[in-house]
Amino acid sequence: MTRWTVAVAGVALVLGLAGVALSRLLDRPGSRAAVLVSVVAGWLAAWVLWSFAGGLAVRAGLLTTYDGALLSVVALGGGFWQYRTAVREGRERGLVVFVGVQLVWLMVVLVQNGLLSDGR
């Protein structure tokens, strides 16, 4: 599943960059392609950082489990939601979605590892 996620993100990034280049040639910066490239790059970076941090935390014994495949699904859904929001309401609102989904993911990881339970 991880390979497919990276492949889809890579294809979207390459197509987005081609769209950005075309829009700049046509003198139309700020197009949907530019938004797509920004969203894909942001989520790909978040996936890499979360996977690295999660792996280190498991290895250090801070977490008992970390499911990177679930993050891939969350990133695809969050990226779609961020893109739609950024196109409709502006870049800043799209970034609010990005940060919100990151915080939800943090809560998911904490719940998976029992760090938010009352200890009973």
N, C-alpha and C. Protein backbone atom coordinates (compact mmCIF):
# COMPACT_ATOMS: atom_id res chain seq x y z
N MET A 1 0.82 -1.19 0.00
CA MET A 1 0.00 0.00 0.00
C MET A 1 0.86 1.26 0.00
N THR A 2 1.99 1.22 0.71
CA THR A 2 2.86 2.37 0.78
C THR A 2 3.44 2.71 -0.59
N ARG A 3 3.82 1.70 -1.33
CA ARG A 3 4.38 1.95 -2.67
C ARG A 3 3.35 2.61 -3.57
N TRP A 4 2.09 2.16 -3.48
CA TRP A 4 1.04 2.76 -4.29
C TRP A 4 0.80 4.21 -3.90
N THR A 5 0.85 4.48 -2.62
CA THR A 5 0.65 5.85 -2.16
C THR A 5 1.74 6.76 -2.70
N VAL A 6 2.98 6.32 -2.60
CA VAL A 6 4.10 7.11 -3.10
C VAL A 6 4.01 7.25 -4.62
N ALA A 7 3.62 6.19 -5.31
CA ALA A 7 3.50 6.25 -6.77
C ALA A 7 2.41 7.24 -7.19
N VAL A 8 1.26 7.18 -6.53
CA VAL A 8 0.17 8.11 -6.85
C VAL A 8 0.59 9.55 -6.56
N ALA A 9 1.24 9.76 -5.41
CA ALA A 9 1.70 11.10 -5.05
C ALA A 9 2.75 11.60 -6.06
N GLY A 10 3.66 10.71 -6.47
CA GLY A 10 4.68 11.09 -7.44
C GLY A 10 4.09 11.47 -8.78
N VAL A 11 3.13 10.68 -9.26
CA VAL A 11 2.47 10.99 -10.53
C VAL A 11 1.72 12.31 -10.43
N ALA A 12 1.00 12.53 -9.34
CA ALA A 12 0.28 13.78 -9.15
C ALA A 12 1.24 14.96 -9.10
N LEU A 13 2.38 14.77 -8.45
CA LEU A 13 3.38 15.84 -8.36
C LEU A 13 3.95 16.17 -9.73
N VAL A 14 4.29 15.16 -10.51
CA VAL A 14 4.84 15.39 -11.85
C VAL A 14 3.81 16.05 -12.76
N LEU A 15 2.57 15.55 -12.74
CA LEU A 15 1.52 16.17 -13.56
C LEU A 15 1.24 17.60 -13.11
N GLY A 16 1.27 17.80 -11.80
CA GLY A 16 1.06 19.15 -11.28
C GLY A 16 2.16 20.11 -11.71
N LEU A 17 3.40 19.64 -11.65
CA LEU A 17 4.51 20.49 -12.09
C LEU A 17 4.40 20.82 -13.58
N ALA A 18 3.97 19.85 -14.37
CA ALA A 18 3.76 20.12 -15.79
C ALA A 18 2.65 21.15 -15.98
N GLY A 19 1.60 21.04 -15.19
CA GLY A 19 0.51 22.03 -15.26
C GLY A 19 0.96 23.41 -14.83
N VAL A 20 1.80 23.47 -13.80
CA VAL A 20 2.32 24.77 -13.36
C VAL A 20 3.18 25.39 -14.45
N ALA A 21 4.04 24.59 -15.06
CA ALA A 21 4.89 25.10 -16.14
C ALA A 21 4.04 25.62 -17.30
N LEU A 22 3.00 24.87 -17.64
CA LEU A 22 2.12 25.30 -18.73
C LEU A 22 1.37 26.58 -18.37
N SER A 23 0.90 26.68 -17.13
CA SER A 23 0.17 27.88 -16.74
C SER A 23 1.09 29.11 -16.71
N ARG A 24 2.35 28.90 -16.35
CA ARG A 24 3.30 30.03 -16.37
C ARG A 24 3.61 30.45 -17.80
N LEU A 25 3.68 29.46 -18.70
CA LEU A 25 3.89 29.80 -20.11
C LEU A 25 2.71 30.61 -20.66
N LEU A 26 1.51 30.28 -20.20
CA LEU A 26 0.31 30.99 -20.64
C LEU A 26 0.04 32.24 -19.81
N ASP A 27 0.98 32.57 -18.90
CA ASP A 27 0.89 33.76 -18.06
C ASP A 27 -0.32 33.73 -17.15
N ARG A 28 -0.58 32.56 -16.51
CA ARG A 28 -1.68 32.40 -15.56
C ARG A 28 -1.18 31.74 -14.27
N PRO A 29 -0.33 32.43 -13.48
CA PRO A 29 0.16 31.82 -12.24
C PRO A 29 -0.97 31.69 -11.21
N GLY A 30 -0.78 30.81 -10.23
CA GLY A 30 -1.79 30.62 -9.20
C GLY A 30 -2.91 29.70 -9.61
N SER A 31 -2.64 28.82 -10.53
CA SER A 31 -3.67 27.93 -11.05
C SER A 31 -3.94 26.77 -10.11
N ARG A 32 -4.92 25.95 -10.48
CA ARG A 32 -5.22 24.75 -9.71
C ARG A 32 -4.05 23.79 -9.68
N ALA A 33 -3.28 23.77 -10.74
CA ALA A 33 -2.11 22.88 -10.77
C ALA A 33 -1.10 23.29 -9.71
N ALA A 34 -0.92 24.58 -9.50
CA ALA A 34 -0.01 25.06 -8.46
C ALA A 34 -0.50 24.64 -7.07
N VAL A 35 -1.81 24.72 -6.87
CA VAL A 35 -2.40 24.29 -5.60
C VAL A 35 -2.19 22.79 -5.43
N LEU A 36 -2.39 22.02 -6.49
CA LEU A 36 -2.21 20.57 -6.42
C LEU A 36 -0.78 20.20 -6.06
N VAL A 37 0.19 20.85 -6.68
CA VAL A 37 1.59 20.57 -6.37
C VAL A 37 1.89 20.90 -4.92
N SER A 38 1.38 22.01 -4.44
CA SER A 38 1.61 22.41 -3.05
C SER A 38 1.01 21.40 -2.08
N VAL A 39 -0.21 20.96 -2.35
CA VAL A 39 -0.88 20.00 -1.47
C VAL A 39 -0.16 18.65 -1.48
N VAL A 40 0.18 18.15 -2.65
CA VAL A 40 0.87 16.85 -2.74
C VAL A 40 2.23 16.91 -2.05
N ALA A 41 2.97 17.98 -2.28
CA ALA A 41 4.28 18.11 -1.65
C ALA A 41 4.16 18.18 -0.13
N GLY A 42 3.18 18.90 0.36
CA GLY A 42 2.98 19.01 1.80
C GLY A 42 2.63 17.69 2.44
N TRP A 43 1.71 16.95 1.82
CA TRP A 43 1.31 15.66 2.39
C TRP A 43 2.40 14.61 2.26
N LEU A 44 3.15 14.66 1.19
CA LEU A 44 4.26 13.72 1.05
C LEU A 44 5.31 13.99 2.12
N ALA A 45 5.61 15.25 2.37
CA ALA A 45 6.56 15.61 3.43
C ALA A 45 6.02 15.18 4.80
N ALA A 46 4.74 15.41 5.04
CA ALA A 46 4.14 15.01 6.32
C ALA A 46 4.21 13.50 6.50
N TRP A 47 3.94 12.75 5.44
CA TRP A 47 3.99 11.29 5.52
C TRP A 47 5.41 10.82 5.86
N VAL A 48 6.40 11.42 5.23
CA VAL A 48 7.79 11.04 5.50
C VAL A 48 8.16 11.37 6.95
N LEU A 49 7.82 12.57 7.39
CA LEU A 49 8.17 12.97 8.75
C LEU A 49 7.45 12.14 9.82
N TRP A 50 6.14 11.90 9.61
CA TRP A 50 5.40 11.09 10.57
C TRP A 50 5.94 9.67 10.60
N SER A 51 6.26 9.10 9.45
CA SER A 51 6.80 7.74 9.41
C SER A 51 8.15 7.66 10.12
N PHE A 52 8.99 8.64 9.89
CA PHE A 52 10.30 8.67 10.55
C PHE A 52 10.13 8.81 12.06
N ALA A 53 9.32 9.78 12.48
CA ALA A 53 9.12 10.01 13.92
C ALA A 53 8.44 8.81 14.58
N GLY A 54 7.45 8.23 13.90
CA GLY A 54 6.76 7.07 14.46
C GLY A 54 7.69 5.87 14.60
N GLY A 55 8.52 5.64 13.60
CA GLY A 55 9.48 4.54 13.66
C GLY A 55 10.50 4.74 14.78
N LEU A 56 10.98 5.96 14.93
CA LEU A 56 11.92 6.25 16.01
C LEU A 56 11.27 6.08 17.38
N ALA A 57 10.02 6.53 17.51
CA ALA A 57 9.32 6.43 18.79
C ALA A 57 9.07 4.97 19.16
N VAL A 58 8.74 4.14 18.18
CA VAL A 58 8.55 2.71 18.46
C VAL A 58 9.87 2.08 18.86
N ARG A 59 10.91 2.39 18.14
CA ARG A 59 12.24 1.82 18.43
C ARG A 59 12.74 2.25 19.81
N ALA A 60 12.44 3.48 20.20
CA ALA A 60 12.87 3.99 21.50
C ALA A 60 11.97 3.52 22.64
N GLY A 61 10.86 2.90 22.30
CA GLY A 61 9.96 2.40 23.33
C GLY A 61 8.92 3.41 23.80
N LEU A 62 8.84 4.55 23.14
CA LEU A 62 7.84 5.56 23.52
C LEU A 62 6.44 5.17 23.06
N LEU A 63 6.36 4.46 21.93
CA LEU A 63 5.09 3.97 21.40
C LEU A 63 5.19 2.45 21.28
N THR A 64 4.04 1.80 21.41
CA THR A 64 4.03 0.34 21.22
C THR A 64 3.77 -0.04 19.78
N THR A 65 3.03 0.79 19.05
CA THR A 65 2.70 0.50 17.66
C THR A 65 2.58 1.80 16.87
N TYR A 66 2.89 1.71 15.58
CA TYR A 66 2.70 2.83 14.68
C TYR A 66 2.30 2.28 13.33
N ASP A 67 1.16 2.68 12.81
CA ASP A 67 0.61 2.16 11.56
C ASP A 67 0.76 3.19 10.44
N GLY A 68 1.84 3.08 9.69
CA GLY A 68 2.09 4.02 8.60
C GLY A 68 1.13 3.86 7.43
N ALA A 69 0.61 2.63 7.24
CA ALA A 69 -0.34 2.39 6.15
C ALA A 69 -1.64 3.17 6.38
N LEU A 70 -2.06 3.24 7.63
CA LEU A 70 -3.26 4.02 7.95
C LEU A 70 -3.04 5.50 7.66
N LEU A 71 -1.82 5.98 7.93
CA LEU A 71 -1.51 7.38 7.62
C LEU A 71 -1.62 7.64 6.12
N SER A 72 -1.27 6.66 5.30
CA SER A 72 -1.39 6.83 3.84
C SER A 72 -2.83 7.09 3.44
N VAL A 73 -3.75 6.36 4.03
CA VAL A 73 -5.17 6.56 3.73
C VAL A 73 -5.63 7.92 4.23
N VAL A 74 -5.21 8.28 5.44
CA VAL A 74 -5.57 9.57 6.01
C VAL A 74 -5.00 10.70 5.15
N ALA A 75 -3.77 10.54 4.67
CA ALA A 75 -3.13 11.56 3.85
C ALA A 75 -3.86 11.74 2.51
N LEU A 76 -4.30 10.65 1.92
CA LEU A 76 -5.05 10.77 0.65
C LEU A 76 -6.36 11.52 0.86
N GLY A 77 -7.09 11.15 1.91
CA GLY A 77 -8.34 11.84 2.21
C GLY A 77 -8.12 13.28 2.62
N GLY A 78 -7.14 13.50 3.48
CA GLY A 78 -6.83 14.86 3.93
C GLY A 78 -6.33 15.74 2.79
N GLY A 79 -5.53 15.16 1.91
CA GLY A 79 -5.03 15.92 0.77
C GLY A 79 -6.15 16.34 -0.17
N PHE A 80 -7.09 15.42 -0.41
CA PHE A 80 -8.24 15.76 -1.25
C PHE A 80 -9.06 16.88 -0.62
N TRP A 81 -9.31 16.74 0.67
CA TRP A 81 -10.08 17.75 1.40
C TRP A 81 -9.35 19.09 1.39
N GLN A 82 -8.04 19.08 1.61
CA GLN A 82 -7.26 20.31 1.60
C GLN A 82 -7.28 20.97 0.22
N TYR A 83 -7.13 20.18 -0.83
CA TYR A 83 -7.15 20.71 -2.19
C TYR A 83 -8.48 21.39 -2.49
N ARG A 84 -9.57 20.68 -2.18
CA ARG A 84 -10.90 21.24 -2.45
C ARG A 84 -11.11 22.54 -1.66
N THR A 85 -10.69 22.56 -0.42
CA THR A 85 -10.85 23.75 0.41
C THR A 85 -9.98 24.89 -0.12
N ALA A 86 -8.74 24.60 -0.50
CA ALA A 86 -7.84 25.64 -1.01
C ALA A 86 -8.36 26.24 -2.31
N VAL A 87 -8.95 25.41 -3.17
CA VAL A 87 -9.48 25.92 -4.44
C VAL A 87 -10.71 26.77 -4.20
N ARG A 88 -11.58 26.33 -3.30
CA ARG A 88 -12.85 27.04 -3.07
C ARG A 88 -12.71 28.26 -2.17
N GLU A 89 -11.88 28.14 -1.11
CA GLU A 89 -11.87 29.19 -0.08
C GLU A 89 -10.52 29.86 0.11
N GLY A 90 -9.50 29.43 -0.59
CA GLY A 90 -8.20 30.07 -0.48
C GLY A 90 -7.16 29.19 0.20
N ARG A 91 -5.93 29.56 -0.03
CA ARG A 91 -4.79 28.78 0.46
C ARG A 91 -4.76 28.68 1.98
N GLU A 92 -5.08 29.78 2.67
CA GLU A 92 -5.02 29.77 4.13
C GLU A 92 -6.01 28.78 4.72
N ARG A 93 -7.22 28.73 4.18
CA ARG A 93 -8.21 27.76 4.67
C ARG A 93 -7.76 26.33 4.39
N GLY A 94 -7.10 26.13 3.27
CA GLY A 94 -6.56 24.81 2.97
C GLY A 94 -5.50 24.39 3.98
N LEU A 95 -4.67 25.34 4.41
CA LEU A 95 -3.66 25.03 5.41
C LEU A 95 -4.28 24.73 6.77
N VAL A 96 -5.42 25.34 7.06
CA VAL A 96 -6.14 25.02 8.29
C VAL A 96 -6.57 23.55 8.27
N VAL A 97 -7.05 23.09 7.12
CA VAL A 97 -7.42 21.68 6.98
C VAL A 97 -6.20 20.79 7.18
N PHE A 98 -5.07 21.17 6.59
CA PHE A 98 -3.84 20.39 6.72
C PHE A 98 -3.44 20.24 8.19
N VAL A 99 -3.41 21.34 8.92
CA VAL A 99 -3.02 21.30 10.33
C VAL A 99 -4.05 20.51 11.15
N GLY A 100 -5.33 20.70 10.86
CA GLY A 100 -6.37 19.98 11.58
C GLY A 100 -6.27 18.48 11.41
N VAL A 101 -6.01 18.04 10.20
CA VAL A 101 -5.88 16.59 9.96
C VAL A 101 -4.62 16.06 10.63
N GLN A 102 -3.56 16.85 10.67
CA GLN A 102 -2.34 16.43 11.38
C GLN A 102 -2.62 16.23 12.87
N LEU A 103 -3.39 17.13 13.45
CA LEU A 103 -3.74 17.00 14.87
C LEU A 103 -4.63 15.78 15.12
N VAL A 104 -5.55 15.52 14.19
CA VAL A 104 -6.39 14.32 14.31
C VAL A 104 -5.51 13.07 14.24
N TRP A 105 -4.54 13.06 13.33
CA TRP A 105 -3.64 11.92 13.23
C TRP A 105 -2.86 11.72 14.53
N LEU A 106 -2.41 12.81 15.14
CA LEU A 106 -1.72 12.71 16.42
C LEU A 106 -2.62 12.05 17.47
N MET A 107 -3.88 12.44 17.49
CA MET A 107 -4.81 11.83 18.44
C MET A 107 -5.00 10.34 18.15
N VAL A 108 -5.07 9.97 16.88
CA VAL A 108 -5.20 8.56 16.50
C VAL A 108 -4.01 7.76 17.01
N VAL A 109 -2.81 8.28 16.80
CA VAL A 109 -1.60 7.58 17.25
C VAL A 109 -1.60 7.45 18.78
N LEU A 110 -1.98 8.51 19.47
CA LEU A 110 -2.00 8.45 20.93
C LEU A 110 -3.04 7.45 21.44
N VAL A 111 -4.21 7.41 20.81
CA VAL A 111 -5.24 6.46 21.22
C VAL A 111 -4.80 5.03 20.92
N GLN A 112 -4.20 4.80 19.77
CA GLN A 112 -3.70 3.46 19.42
C GLN A 112 -2.71 2.93 20.45
N ASN A 113 -1.96 3.82 21.05
CA ASN A 113 -0.94 3.42 22.00
C ASN A 113 -1.38 3.55 23.45
N GLY A 114 -2.65 3.87 23.67
CA GLY A 114 -3.20 3.94 25.01
C GLY A 114 -2.72 5.11 25.84
N LEU A 115 -2.20 6.13 25.19
CA LEU A 115 -1.67 7.27 25.93
C LEU A 115 -2.75 8.27 26.35
N LEU A 116 -3.97 8.12 25.86
CA LEU A 116 -5.05 9.02 26.24
C LEU A 116 -6.08 8.32 27.14
N SER A 117 -5.77 7.10 27.56
CA SER A 117 -6.71 6.39 28.43
C SER A 117 -6.53 6.86 29.86
N ASP A 118 -7.54 6.60 30.68
CA ASP A 118 -7.48 7.04 32.08
C ASP A 118 -6.73 6.06 32.97
N GLY A 119 -6.19 5.00 32.42
CA GLY A 119 -5.36 4.07 33.16
C GLY A 119 -6.13 2.99 33.90
N ARG A 120 -7.41 2.84 33.64
CA ARG A 120 -8.22 1.81 34.32
C ARG A 120 -8.18 0.50 33.60
